[in-house]
Amino acid sequence: PQAEVRGFAHEISAHLVRRHDVKLIIVACNTAAAAASVEELSVAHGVPVLGVIEPGVRALVSATRNGRVGVIGTVGTIGSGAYQQAVDRTGAQVDLSCAACPGFVEFVDPKERVAMLGHANDADSRTTPARRSATMSAYAFSCQLSAGAAAGAQFDL
């Protein structure tokens, strides 16, 4: 549900700004970036927000040799039309074929698959509070939004 993902994106962004005083947020989840635009999040939370859809589209437009490009993604990402709209904004002559893949996150991210099966998923120290320093200046949240959790990575900017 796009509305639920949009709510998670705002909730996570607010938390990062309030609790961690971040100066930049990177939305590293296509589904979240499609549900809540980076512009919307930036205005609402007062920090620059970068997404992954626009850079991905710039890369696909410059990389295609024949003008035909396929994009696979979650149901939310593809259903939002975000890639189609971003390609249209470039003005490039690209024949874009998009396919929604239910279960895509679980297929791509084995940790998420394990978590979905109900097993403990706390072995990844990158997501523990101990790794989240108070001095971080940028934070990325990823596709675990579907489970209502933010998986993060620290960036030194």
N, C-alpha and C. Protein backbone atom coordinates (compact mmCIF):
# COMPACT_ATOMS: atom_id res chain seq x y z
N PRO A 1 0.82 -1.20 0.00
CA PRO A 1 0.00 0.00 0.00
C PRO A 1 0.87 1.27 0.00
N GLN A 2 0.73 2.06 -1.04
CA GLN A 2 1.53 3.28 -1.18
C GLN A 2 1.36 4.22 0.01
N ALA A 3 0.15 4.39 0.48
CA ALA A 3 -0.08 5.32 1.59
C ALA A 3 0.67 4.89 2.84
N GLU A 4 0.70 3.60 3.09
CA GLU A 4 1.42 3.08 4.26
C GLU A 4 2.93 3.29 4.11
N VAL A 5 3.46 3.02 2.94
CA VAL A 5 4.89 3.22 2.69
C VAL A 5 5.23 4.71 2.79
N ARG A 6 4.36 5.55 2.26
CA ARG A 6 4.56 7.01 2.36
C ARG A 6 4.63 7.42 3.82
N GLY A 7 3.73 6.89 4.63
CA GLY A 7 3.73 7.18 6.07
C GLY A 7 5.02 6.73 6.73
N PHE A 8 5.49 5.53 6.38
CA PHE A 8 6.76 5.04 6.92
C PHE A 8 7.92 5.96 6.53
N ALA A 9 7.94 6.40 5.28
CA ALA A 9 9.02 7.27 4.81
C ALA A 9 9.05 8.57 5.62
N HIS A 10 7.88 9.14 5.88
CA HIS A 10 7.82 10.36 6.68
C HIS A 10 8.20 10.09 8.13
N GLU A 11 7.74 8.99 8.67
CA GLU A 11 8.04 8.64 10.05
C GLU A 11 9.55 8.43 10.24
N ILE A 12 10.16 7.71 9.34
CA ILE A 12 11.59 7.43 9.42
C ILE A 12 12.39 8.72 9.23
N SER A 13 12.00 9.53 8.27
CA SER A 13 12.69 10.80 8.03
C SER A 13 12.62 11.70 9.25
N ALA A 14 11.45 11.81 9.84
CA ALA A 14 11.28 12.65 11.04
C ALA A 14 12.17 12.13 12.17
N HIS A 15 12.20 10.83 12.34
CA HIS A 15 13.03 10.22 13.39
C HIS A 15 14.51 10.54 13.16
N LEU A 16 14.96 10.40 11.93
CA LEU A 16 16.37 10.64 11.63
C LEU A 16 16.76 12.10 11.88
N VAL A 17 15.88 13.01 11.52
CA VAL A 17 16.18 14.43 11.72
C VAL A 17 16.12 14.79 13.21
N ARG A 18 15.08 14.33 13.89
CA ARG A 18 14.92 14.66 15.33
C ARG A 18 15.96 13.99 16.21
N ARG A 19 16.11 12.69 16.07
CA ARG A 19 16.95 11.92 16.98
C ARG A 19 18.42 11.90 16.61
N HIS A 20 18.72 12.01 15.33
CA HIS A 20 20.11 11.88 14.89
C HIS A 20 20.66 13.14 14.25
N ASP A 21 19.84 14.17 14.13
CA ASP A 21 20.25 15.46 13.58
C ASP A 21 20.96 15.30 12.23
N VAL A 22 20.44 14.42 11.37
CA VAL A 22 21.07 14.23 10.07
C VAL A 22 20.90 15.48 9.22
N LYS A 23 21.82 15.66 8.31
CA LYS A 23 21.81 16.83 7.43
C LYS A 23 21.43 16.45 6.00
N LEU A 24 21.32 15.16 5.72
CA LEU A 24 20.97 14.66 4.39
C LEU A 24 20.38 13.27 4.55
N ILE A 25 19.33 12.99 3.82
CA ILE A 25 18.73 11.64 3.82
C ILE A 25 18.77 11.11 2.41
N ILE A 26 19.19 9.86 2.27
CA ILE A 26 19.16 9.17 0.98
C ILE A 26 18.11 8.08 1.08
N VAL A 27 17.09 8.18 0.27
CA VAL A 27 16.04 7.16 0.23
C VAL A 27 16.51 6.11 -0.77
N ALA A 28 17.08 5.03 -0.25
CA ALA A 28 17.66 3.99 -1.10
C ALA A 28 16.66 2.87 -1.34
N CYS A 29 15.42 3.22 -1.42
CA CYS A 29 14.35 2.26 -1.67
C CYS A 29 13.43 2.86 -2.71
N ASN A 30 13.37 2.23 -3.87
CA ASN A 30 12.52 2.72 -4.94
C ASN A 30 11.07 2.83 -4.50
N THR A 31 10.59 1.87 -3.74
CA THR A 31 9.19 1.87 -3.32
C THR A 31 8.90 3.09 -2.46
N ALA A 32 9.80 3.40 -1.52
CA ALA A 32 9.61 4.57 -0.66
C ALA A 32 9.72 5.85 -1.46
N ALA A 33 10.69 5.93 -2.37
CA ALA A 33 10.88 7.13 -3.19
C ALA A 33 9.69 7.35 -4.12
N ALA A 34 9.05 6.26 -4.54
CA ALA A 34 7.88 6.38 -5.40
C ALA A 34 6.65 6.81 -4.59
N ALA A 35 6.58 6.38 -3.35
CA ALA A 35 5.42 6.69 -2.51
C ALA A 35 5.48 8.11 -1.96
N ALA A 36 6.66 8.56 -1.60
CA ALA A 36 6.84 9.91 -1.06
C ALA A 36 8.01 10.53 -1.80
N SER A 37 7.74 11.52 -2.61
CA SER A 37 8.81 12.11 -3.42
C SER A 37 9.89 12.71 -2.55
N VAL A 38 11.11 12.77 -3.10
CA VAL A 38 12.21 13.36 -2.35
C VAL A 38 11.92 14.83 -2.06
N GLU A 39 11.24 15.51 -2.97
CA GLU A 39 10.88 16.90 -2.75
C GLU A 39 9.93 17.02 -1.56
N GLU A 40 8.94 16.15 -1.53
CA GLU A 40 7.96 16.15 -0.43
C GLU A 40 8.65 15.92 0.91
N LEU A 41 9.54 14.93 0.96
CA LEU A 41 10.24 14.62 2.21
C LEU A 41 11.17 15.76 2.62
N SER A 42 11.84 16.36 1.66
CA SER A 42 12.76 17.45 1.95
C SER A 42 12.03 18.65 2.55
N VAL A 43 10.92 19.02 1.93
CA VAL A 43 10.13 20.16 2.43
C VAL A 43 9.58 19.85 3.82
N ALA A 44 9.05 18.66 4.01
CA ALA A 44 8.42 18.29 5.27
C ALA A 44 9.42 18.21 6.43
N HIS A 45 10.67 17.84 6.13
CA HIS A 45 11.61 17.58 7.22
C HIS A 45 12.82 18.52 7.25
N GLY A 46 12.88 19.45 6.29
CA GLY A 46 13.87 20.50 6.34
C GLY A 46 15.31 20.12 6.06
N VAL A 47 15.51 19.00 5.39
CA VAL A 47 16.87 18.58 5.00
C VAL A 47 16.84 18.13 3.55
N PRO A 48 17.97 18.20 2.86
CA PRO A 48 18.01 17.66 1.50
C PRO A 48 17.73 16.15 1.52
N VAL A 49 17.00 15.69 0.54
CA VAL A 49 16.68 14.27 0.41
C VAL A 49 16.99 13.84 -1.02
N LEU A 50 17.76 12.78 -1.14
CA LEU A 50 18.10 12.23 -2.45
C LEU A 50 17.42 10.87 -2.59
N GLY A 51 17.01 10.56 -3.80
CA GLY A 51 16.40 9.27 -4.07
C GLY A 51 17.24 8.49 -5.06
N VAL A 52 16.75 7.35 -5.47
CA VAL A 52 17.48 6.49 -6.40
C VAL A 52 16.81 6.38 -7.76
N ILE A 53 15.61 6.88 -7.90
CA ILE A 53 14.90 6.73 -9.16
C ILE A 53 15.50 7.64 -10.23
N GLU A 54 15.64 8.92 -9.96
CA GLU A 54 16.18 9.85 -10.96
C GLU A 54 17.59 9.47 -11.40
N PRO A 55 18.52 9.17 -10.47
CA PRO A 55 19.86 8.75 -10.92
C PRO A 55 19.81 7.46 -11.75
N GLY A 56 18.93 6.54 -11.37
CA GLY A 56 18.78 5.31 -12.13
C GLY A 56 18.29 5.56 -13.54
N VAL A 57 17.36 6.49 -13.67
CA VAL A 57 16.83 6.83 -14.99
C VAL A 57 17.89 7.52 -15.83
N ARG A 58 18.65 8.43 -15.23
CA ARG A 58 19.74 9.07 -15.98
C ARG A 58 20.73 8.02 -16.49
N ALA A 59 21.03 7.03 -15.66
CA ALA A 59 21.96 5.97 -16.07
C ALA A 59 21.38 5.11 -17.18
N LEU A 60 20.10 4.76 -17.08
CA LEU A 60 19.51 3.89 -18.11
C LEU A 60 19.39 4.62 -19.44
N VAL A 61 19.08 5.91 -19.38
CA VAL A 61 18.98 6.70 -20.62
C VAL A 61 20.33 6.79 -21.30
N SER A 62 21.40 6.98 -20.52
CA SER A 62 22.72 7.10 -21.14
C SER A 62 23.30 5.75 -21.54
N ALA A 63 22.86 4.67 -20.91
CA ALA A 63 23.45 3.36 -21.19
C ALA A 63 22.80 2.61 -22.35
N THR A 64 21.54 2.90 -22.64
CA THR A 64 20.86 2.14 -23.68
C THR A 64 21.46 2.40 -25.06
N ARG A 65 21.62 1.34 -25.81
CA ARG A 65 22.15 1.46 -27.17
C ARG A 65 21.04 1.45 -28.22
N ASN A 66 19.93 0.81 -27.88
CA ASN A 66 18.85 0.70 -28.86
C ASN A 66 17.56 1.40 -28.43
N GLY A 67 17.58 2.07 -27.27
CA GLY A 67 16.40 2.80 -26.81
C GLY A 67 15.35 1.94 -26.14
N ARG A 68 15.63 0.65 -25.99
CA ARG A 68 14.68 -0.25 -25.31
C ARG A 68 15.27 -0.64 -23.95
N VAL A 69 14.48 -0.40 -22.90
CA VAL A 69 14.97 -0.65 -21.55
C VAL A 69 13.89 -1.37 -20.75
N GLY A 70 14.31 -2.35 -19.97
CA GLY A 70 13.41 -3.05 -19.07
C GLY A 70 13.71 -2.70 -17.63
N VAL A 71 12.68 -2.51 -16.84
CA VAL A 71 12.83 -2.22 -15.42
C VAL A 71 11.98 -3.22 -14.66
N ILE A 72 12.60 -3.91 -13.68
CA ILE A 72 11.83 -4.76 -12.78
C ILE A 72 11.87 -4.12 -11.40
N GLY A 73 10.84 -4.31 -10.64
CA GLY A 73 10.79 -3.73 -9.30
C GLY A 73 9.63 -4.28 -8.51
N THR A 74 9.46 -3.73 -7.34
CA THR A 74 8.35 -4.15 -6.51
C THR A 74 7.03 -3.70 -7.14
N VAL A 75 5.97 -4.27 -6.68
CA VAL A 75 4.65 -3.89 -7.15
C VAL A 75 4.41 -2.40 -6.89
N GLY A 76 4.83 -1.92 -5.72
CA GLY A 76 4.65 -0.52 -5.38
C GLY A 76 5.42 0.42 -6.29
N THR A 77 6.66 0.08 -6.56
CA THR A 77 7.49 0.93 -7.40
C THR A 77 6.94 1.00 -8.82
N ILE A 78 6.70 -0.15 -9.42
CA ILE A 78 6.24 -0.18 -10.80
C ILE A 78 4.83 0.40 -10.91
N GLY A 79 3.98 0.05 -9.97
CA GLY A 79 2.60 0.55 -9.98
C GLY A 79 2.49 2.06 -9.83
N SER A 80 3.49 2.67 -9.22
CA SER A 80 3.45 4.12 -9.02
C SER A 80 3.68 4.90 -10.30
N GLY A 81 4.32 4.25 -11.28
CA GLY A 81 4.64 4.95 -12.52
C GLY A 81 5.85 5.87 -12.40
N ALA A 82 6.58 5.79 -11.30
CA ALA A 82 7.69 6.71 -11.05
C ALA A 82 8.77 6.62 -12.12
N TYR A 83 9.11 5.41 -12.56
CA TYR A 83 10.13 5.28 -13.59
C TYR A 83 9.64 5.83 -14.93
N GLN A 84 8.42 5.52 -15.27
CA GLN A 84 7.86 6.02 -16.52
C GLN A 84 7.85 7.55 -16.53
N GLN A 85 7.42 8.15 -15.43
CA GLN A 85 7.37 9.61 -15.33
C GLN A 85 8.77 10.22 -15.39
N ALA A 86 9.73 9.59 -14.72
CA ALA A 86 11.10 10.12 -14.72
C ALA A 86 11.71 10.04 -16.11
N VAL A 87 11.45 8.95 -16.83
CA VAL A 87 11.95 8.84 -18.21
C VAL A 87 11.30 9.91 -19.08
N ASP A 88 10.00 10.11 -18.93
CA ASP A 88 9.30 11.14 -19.71
C ASP A 88 9.90 12.52 -19.48
N ARG A 89 10.27 12.80 -18.23
CA ARG A 89 10.85 14.11 -17.90
C ARG A 89 12.20 14.34 -18.59
N THR A 90 12.92 13.27 -18.93
CA THR A 90 14.21 13.43 -19.59
C THR A 90 14.04 13.84 -21.04
N GLY A 91 12.89 13.51 -21.63
CA GLY A 91 12.67 13.79 -23.04
C GLY A 91 13.37 12.79 -23.95
N ALA A 92 14.03 11.80 -23.40
CA ALA A 92 14.74 10.80 -24.19
C ALA A 92 13.75 9.88 -24.90
N GLN A 93 14.12 9.43 -26.06
CA GLN A 93 13.29 8.49 -26.81
C GLN A 93 13.62 7.07 -26.34
N VAL A 94 12.95 6.65 -25.27
CA VAL A 94 13.19 5.35 -24.66
C VAL A 94 11.89 4.57 -24.62
N ASP A 95 11.95 3.33 -25.10
CA ASP A 95 10.82 2.42 -25.00
C ASP A 95 11.01 1.64 -23.70
N LEU A 96 10.26 2.04 -22.68
CA LEU A 96 10.43 1.49 -21.33
C LEU A 96 9.41 0.40 -21.08
N SER A 97 9.89 -0.79 -20.74
CA SER A 97 9.01 -1.90 -20.36
C SER A 97 9.23 -2.18 -18.88
N CYS A 98 8.18 -2.03 -18.09
CA CYS A 98 8.28 -2.22 -16.65
C CYS A 98 7.50 -3.46 -16.23
N ALA A 99 8.08 -4.23 -15.33
CA ALA A 99 7.41 -5.43 -14.83
C ALA A 99 7.47 -5.45 -13.30
N ALA A 100 6.30 -5.56 -12.69
CA ALA A 100 6.22 -5.67 -11.23
C ALA A 100 6.49 -7.12 -10.83
N CYS A 101 7.29 -7.29 -9.80
CA CYS A 101 7.68 -8.62 -9.34
C CYS A 101 7.30 -8.80 -7.88
N PRO A 102 6.12 -9.36 -7.61
CA PRO A 102 5.75 -9.63 -6.22
C PRO A 102 6.81 -10.53 -5.57
N GLY A 103 7.19 -10.22 -4.35
CA GLY A 103 8.21 -11.00 -3.66
C GLY A 103 9.63 -10.62 -4.04
N PHE A 104 9.80 -9.53 -4.78
CA PHE A 104 11.11 -9.13 -5.28
C PHE A 104 12.09 -8.85 -4.15
N VAL A 105 11.66 -8.12 -3.11
CA VAL A 105 12.55 -7.78 -2.01
C VAL A 105 13.07 -9.05 -1.35
N GLU A 106 12.19 -9.99 -1.10
CA GLU A 106 12.59 -11.23 -0.44
C GLU A 106 13.54 -12.04 -1.31
N PHE A 107 13.36 -11.97 -2.62
CA PHE A 107 14.24 -12.70 -3.54
C PHE A 107 15.64 -12.08 -3.57
N VAL A 108 15.70 -10.76 -3.62
CA VAL A 108 16.98 -10.06 -3.75
C VAL A 108 17.73 -10.03 -2.43
N ASP A 109 17.05 -9.86 -1.32
CA ASP A 109 17.69 -9.69 -0.02
C ASP A 109 17.45 -10.92 0.85
N PRO A 110 18.42 -11.84 0.90
CA PRO A 110 18.23 -13.07 1.68
C PRO A 110 17.95 -12.79 3.15
N LYS A 111 18.51 -11.72 3.73
CA LYS A 111 18.24 -11.40 5.13
C LYS A 111 16.77 -11.09 5.32
N GLU A 112 16.19 -10.36 4.36
CA GLU A 112 14.77 -10.05 4.44
C GLU A 112 13.96 -11.33 4.32
N ARG A 113 14.41 -12.26 3.46
CA ARG A 113 13.70 -13.53 3.30
C ARG A 113 13.72 -14.29 4.62
N VAL A 114 14.86 -14.31 5.31
CA VAL A 114 14.96 -14.99 6.60
C VAL A 114 14.03 -14.32 7.61
N ALA A 115 14.03 -12.98 7.63
CA ALA A 115 13.17 -12.26 8.56
C ALA A 115 11.70 -12.56 8.26
N MET A 116 11.35 -12.65 6.98
CA MET A 116 9.97 -12.93 6.61
C MET A 116 9.56 -14.33 7.07
N LEU A 117 10.54 -15.23 7.18
CA LEU A 117 10.24 -16.58 7.63
C LEU A 117 10.16 -16.68 9.15
N GLY A 118 10.43 -15.56 9.83
CA GLY A 118 10.29 -15.55 11.28
C GLY A 118 11.55 -15.89 12.03
N HIS A 119 12.69 -15.96 11.38
CA HIS A 119 13.94 -16.24 12.06
C HIS A 119 14.57 -14.95 12.56
N ALA A 120 15.43 -15.07 13.54
CA ALA A 120 16.13 -13.88 14.06
C ALA A 120 16.99 -13.29 12.96
N ASN A 121 17.01 -11.96 12.94
CA ASN A 121 17.79 -11.28 11.90
C ASN A 121 18.61 -10.16 12.53
N ASP A 122 19.31 -10.50 13.61
CA ASP A 122 20.08 -9.46 14.28
C ASP A 122 21.58 -9.66 14.13
N ALA A 123 22.00 -10.51 13.22
CA ALA A 123 23.42 -10.77 13.04
C ALA A 123 24.12 -9.66 12.28
N ASP A 124 23.40 -8.84 11.56
CA ASP A 124 24.01 -7.80 10.75
C ASP A 124 24.28 -6.58 11.62
N SER A 125 25.53 -6.40 12.03
CA SER A 125 25.89 -5.33 12.95
C SER A 125 25.73 -3.95 12.34
N ARG A 126 25.63 -3.85 11.01
CA ARG A 126 25.48 -2.54 10.38
C ARG A 126 24.18 -1.87 10.78
N THR A 127 23.19 -2.63 11.21
CA THR A 127 21.90 -2.02 11.52
C THR A 127 21.67 -1.88 13.02
N THR A 128 22.67 -2.18 13.85
CA THR A 128 22.48 -2.07 15.28
C THR A 128 22.68 -0.64 15.74
N PRO A 129 22.00 -0.25 16.82
CA PRO A 129 22.15 1.12 17.31
C PRO A 129 23.60 1.49 17.62
N ALA A 130 24.40 0.52 18.03
CA ALA A 130 25.81 0.81 18.34
C ALA A 130 26.56 1.35 17.14
N ARG A 131 26.14 0.98 15.94
CA ARG A 131 26.80 1.45 14.72
C ARG A 131 26.26 2.80 14.25
N ARG A 132 25.21 3.27 14.86
CA ARG A 132 24.61 4.54 14.43
C ARG A 132 25.15 5.66 15.30
N SER A 133 26.19 6.30 14.86
CA SER A 133 26.84 7.32 15.67
C SER A 133 26.01 8.60 15.68
N ALA A 134 26.14 9.34 16.78
CA ALA A 134 25.41 10.60 16.90
C ALA A 134 25.98 11.65 15.97
N THR A 135 27.15 11.40 15.40
CA THR A 135 27.77 12.40 14.53
C THR A 135 27.53 12.13 13.06
N MET A 136 26.73 11.14 12.73
CA MET A 136 26.48 10.88 11.32
C MET A 136 25.78 12.06 10.69
N SER A 137 26.10 12.29 9.43
CA SER A 137 25.50 13.45 8.77
C SER A 137 24.54 13.05 7.66
N ALA A 138 24.54 11.78 7.30
CA ALA A 138 23.61 11.33 6.26
C ALA A 138 23.19 9.91 6.58
N TYR A 139 22.01 9.56 6.17
CA TYR A 139 21.47 8.25 6.49
C TYR A 139 20.66 7.76 5.31
N ALA A 140 20.75 6.47 5.03
CA ALA A 140 19.95 5.88 3.95
C ALA A 140 19.03 4.84 4.55
N PHE A 141 17.78 4.85 4.14
CA PHE A 141 16.93 3.74 4.54
C PHE A 141 16.57 2.94 3.32
N SER A 142 16.41 1.63 3.52
CA SER A 142 16.28 0.75 2.38
C SER A 142 14.95 0.03 2.36
N CYS A 143 14.85 -0.98 1.53
CA CYS A 143 13.58 -1.63 1.23
C CYS A 143 12.94 -2.38 2.38
N GLN A 144 13.53 -2.42 3.54
CA GLN A 144 12.87 -3.08 4.65
C GLN A 144 11.69 -2.27 5.16
N LEU A 145 11.39 -1.15 4.49
CA LEU A 145 10.19 -0.38 4.82
C LEU A 145 8.96 -1.26 4.75
N SER A 146 8.98 -2.27 3.89
CA SER A 146 7.81 -3.12 3.74
C SER A 146 7.48 -3.84 5.04
N ALA A 147 8.48 -4.02 5.89
CA ALA A 147 8.25 -4.65 7.18
C ALA A 147 8.11 -3.61 8.28
N GLY A 148 8.17 -2.34 7.89
CA GLY A 148 8.02 -1.27 8.85
C GLY A 148 9.29 -0.97 9.61
N ALA A 149 10.43 -1.46 9.13
CA ALA A 149 11.70 -1.24 9.81
C ALA A 149 12.65 -0.49 8.92
N ALA A 150 13.50 0.28 9.49
CA ALA A 150 14.50 1.02 8.69
C ALA A 150 15.84 0.33 8.83
N ALA A 151 16.41 -0.09 7.72
CA ALA A 151 17.77 -0.63 7.74
C ALA A 151 18.66 0.50 7.28
N GLY A 152 19.74 0.75 7.98
CA GLY A 152 20.51 1.94 7.66
C GLY A 152 21.96 1.67 7.33
N ALA A 153 22.55 2.66 6.72
CA ALA A 153 23.97 2.64 6.43
C ALA A 153 24.51 4.04 6.67
N GLN A 154 25.65 4.13 7.32
CA GLN A 154 26.22 5.42 7.62
C GLN A 154 27.07 5.91 6.46
N PHE A 155 27.02 7.20 6.20
CA PHE A 155 27.82 7.82 5.16
C PHE A 155 28.65 8.91 5.78
N ASP A 156 29.91 9.01 5.44
CA ASP A 156 30.76 10.09 5.91
C ASP A 156 30.83 11.14 4.83
N LEU A 157 30.14 12.24 5.04
CA LEU A 157 30.10 13.31 4.04
C LEU A 157 30.93 14.49 4.50
